[in-house]
C-alpha atoms as a PDB file:
ATOM      1  CA  MET A   1      86.804 179.170  68.046  1.00  0.00           C
ATOM      2  CA  THR A   2      90.178 177.366  68.352  1.00  0.00           C
ATOM      3  CA  SER A   3      92.906 179.281  66.650  1.00  0.00           C
ATOM      4  CA  ALA A   4      95.926 178.246  64.644  1.00  0.00           C
ATOM      5  CA  THR A   5      98.733 179.980  62.865  1.00  0.00           C
ATOM      6  CA  LEU A   6     100.076 178.720  59.536  1.00  0.00           C
ATOM      7  CA  TYR A   7     103.173 179.764  58.096  1.00  0.00           C
ATOM      8  CA  ARG A   8     103.139 179.398  54.582  1.00  0.00           C
ATOM      9  CA  MET A   9     105.232 180.440  51.316  1.00  0.00           C
ATOM     10  CA  VAL A  10     103.439 182.459  49.161  1.00  0.00           C
ATOM     11  CA  LEU A  11     106.448 183.751  46.593  1.00  0.00           C
ATOM     12  CA  PRO A  12     105.417 186.196  43.400  1.00  0.00           C
ATOM     13  CA  ASP A  13     106.288 182.777  41.332  1.00  0.00           C
ATOM     14  CA  HIS A  14     105.231 180.463  43.390  1.00  0.00           C
ATOM     15  CA  VAL A  15     102.072 179.079  45.948  1.00  0.00           C
ATOM     16  CA  CYS A  16     102.997 176.248  47.899  1.00  0.00           C
ATOM     17  CA  PRO A  17     100.451 174.012  47.478  1.00  0.00           C
ATOM     18  CA  PHE A  18     100.906 172.205  50.958  1.00  0.00           C
ATOM     19  CA  GLY A  19     100.364 175.721  52.186  1.00  0.00           C
ATOM     20  CA  VAL A  20      96.934 176.118  50.699  1.00  0.00           C
ATOM     21  CA  ARG A  21      95.761 172.221  51.757  1.00  0.00           C
ATOM     22  CA  ALA A  22      96.927 172.845  54.911  1.00  0.00           C
ATOM     23  CA  LYS A  23      94.823 175.992  55.025  1.00  0.00           C
ATOM     24  CA  GLU A  24      91.880 174.295  53.983  1.00  0.00           C
ATOM     25  CA  ALA A  25      91.976 171.590  56.049  1.00  0.00           C
ATOM     26  CA  LEU A  26      92.813 173.747  59.105  1.00  0.00           C
ATOM     27  CA  GLU A  27      89.557 176.004  58.099  1.00  0.00           C
ATOM     28  CA  GLN A  28      87.474 172.671  56.800  1.00  0.00           C
ATOM     29  CA  ALA A  29      88.245 171.228  61.173  1.00  0.00           C
ATOM     30  CA  GLY A  30      86.943 174.485  62.087  1.00  0.00           C
ATOM     31  CA  TYR A  31      90.180 176.872  63.332  1.00  0.00           C
ATOM     32  CA  ASP A  32      90.327 180.420  63.358  1.00  0.00           C
ATOM     33  CA  VAL A  33      93.538 180.401  61.182  1.00  0.00           C
ATOM     34  CA  ASP A  34      95.893 183.200  61.416  1.00  0.00           C
ATOM     35  CA  ASP A  35      97.915 183.184  58.013  1.00  0.00           C
ATOM     36  CA  ARG A  36     100.833 183.845  58.036  1.00  0.00           C
ATOM     37  CA  ILE A  37     102.971 184.572  54.688  1.00  0.00           C
ATOM     38  CA  LEU A  38     106.791 184.496  54.418  1.00  0.00           C
ATOM     39  CA  ALA A  39     106.614 186.499  50.739  1.00  0.00           C
ATOM     40  CA  THR A  40     110.153 186.016  50.034  1.00  0.00           C
ATOM     41  CA  ARG A  41     113.153 183.432  49.853  1.00  0.00           C
ATOM     42  CA  GLU A  42     114.532 185.438  52.821  1.00  0.00           C
ATOM     43  CA  GLN A  43     112.031 184.864  54.988  1.00  0.00           C
ATOM     44  CA  VAL A  44     111.015 181.780  53.665  1.00  0.00           C
ATOM     45  CA  ASP A  45     115.219 180.926  54.526  1.00  0.00           C
ATOM     46  CA  ALA A  46     114.740 182.899  58.304  1.00  0.00           C
ATOM     47  CA  PHE A  47     111.940 181.112  59.221  1.00  0.00           C
ATOM     48  CA  LYS A  48     113.284 177.782  59.015  1.00  0.00           C
ATOM     49  CA  ALA A  49     116.524 178.575  60.463  1.00  0.00           C
ATOM     50  CA  GLU A  50     114.854 180.393  63.601  1.00  0.00           C
ATOM     51  CA  HIS A  51     112.304 177.151  64.212  1.00  0.00           C
ATOM     52  CA  GLY A  52     114.737 174.512  62.974  1.00  0.00           C
ATOM     53  CA  VAL A  53     112.791 173.273  60.247  1.00  0.00           C
ATOM     54  CA  ASP A  54     113.129 172.292  56.821  1.00  0.00           C
ATOM     55  CA  THR A  55     110.092 172.549  55.083  1.00  0.00           C
ATOM     56  CA  THR A  56     106.895 175.282  55.202  1.00  0.00           C
ATOM     57  CA  PRO A  57     103.823 175.003  55.762  1.00  0.00           C
ATOM     58  CA  GLN A  58     104.785 175.002  59.592  1.00  0.00           C
ATOM     59  CA  VAL A  59     101.297 174.553  62.181  1.00  0.00           C
ATOM     60  CA  PHE A  60     101.412 176.027  65.546  1.00  0.00           C
ATOM     61  CA  ILE A  61      97.869 175.221  67.567  1.00  0.00           C
ATOM     62  CA  ASP A  62      97.997 176.627  71.002  1.00  0.00           C
ATOM     63  CA  GLY A  63     101.566 177.157  70.803  1.00  0.00           C
ATOM     64  CA  GLU A  64     102.845 173.862  69.948  1.00  0.00           C
ATOM     65  CA  ARG A  65     104.282 173.330  66.908  1.00  0.00           C
ATOM     66  CA  ILE A  66     102.402 170.505  64.498  1.00  0.00           C
ATOM     67  CA  GLY A  67     104.475 170.263  61.637  1.00  0.00           C
ATOM     68  CA  GLY A  68     104.081 170.540  57.802  1.00  0.00           C
ATOM     69  CA  SER A  69     100.630 169.672  55.866  1.00  0.00           C
ATOM     70  CA  ASP A  70     101.050 165.879  56.273  1.00  0.00           C
ATOM     71  CA  ASP A  71     101.299 165.982  59.967  1.00  0.00           C
ATOM     72  CA  LEU A  72      98.680 168.267  60.540  1.00  0.00           C
ATOM     73  CA  ALA A  73      96.429 165.634  58.608  1.00  0.00           C
ATOM     74  CA  ARG A  74      97.809 163.142  61.081  1.00  0.00           C
ATOM     75  CA  TRP A  75      97.204 165.252  63.842  1.00  0.00           C
ATOM     76  CA  LEU A  76      93.953 166.238  62.587  1.00  0.00           C
ATOM     77  CA  SER A  77      93.078 162.827  62.269  1.00  0.00           C
ATOM     78  CA  ARG A  78      93.410 162.155  66.000  1.00  0.00           C
ATOM     79  CA  ASN A  79      93.135 165.112  67.643  1.00  0.00           C
ATOM     80  CA  GLY A  80      89.828 166.546  64.989  1.00  0.00           C
END
């Protein structure tokens, strides 16, 4: 089974719906998901700065950054 790493925001007062959608899409496509929760605003901001991205979630498959949930949907439609 191919694995994917998903970084998504789950704050005490907000669960990002795009992260939930990305996790479900990966699982439906048969991926083993390494679900990395960003649980504070500081963790989210540090992740975005480290990876040079503006949004979460971010999906990585085989070490390659696929992108957010819309990018993942396009990638799965081409590679799924």
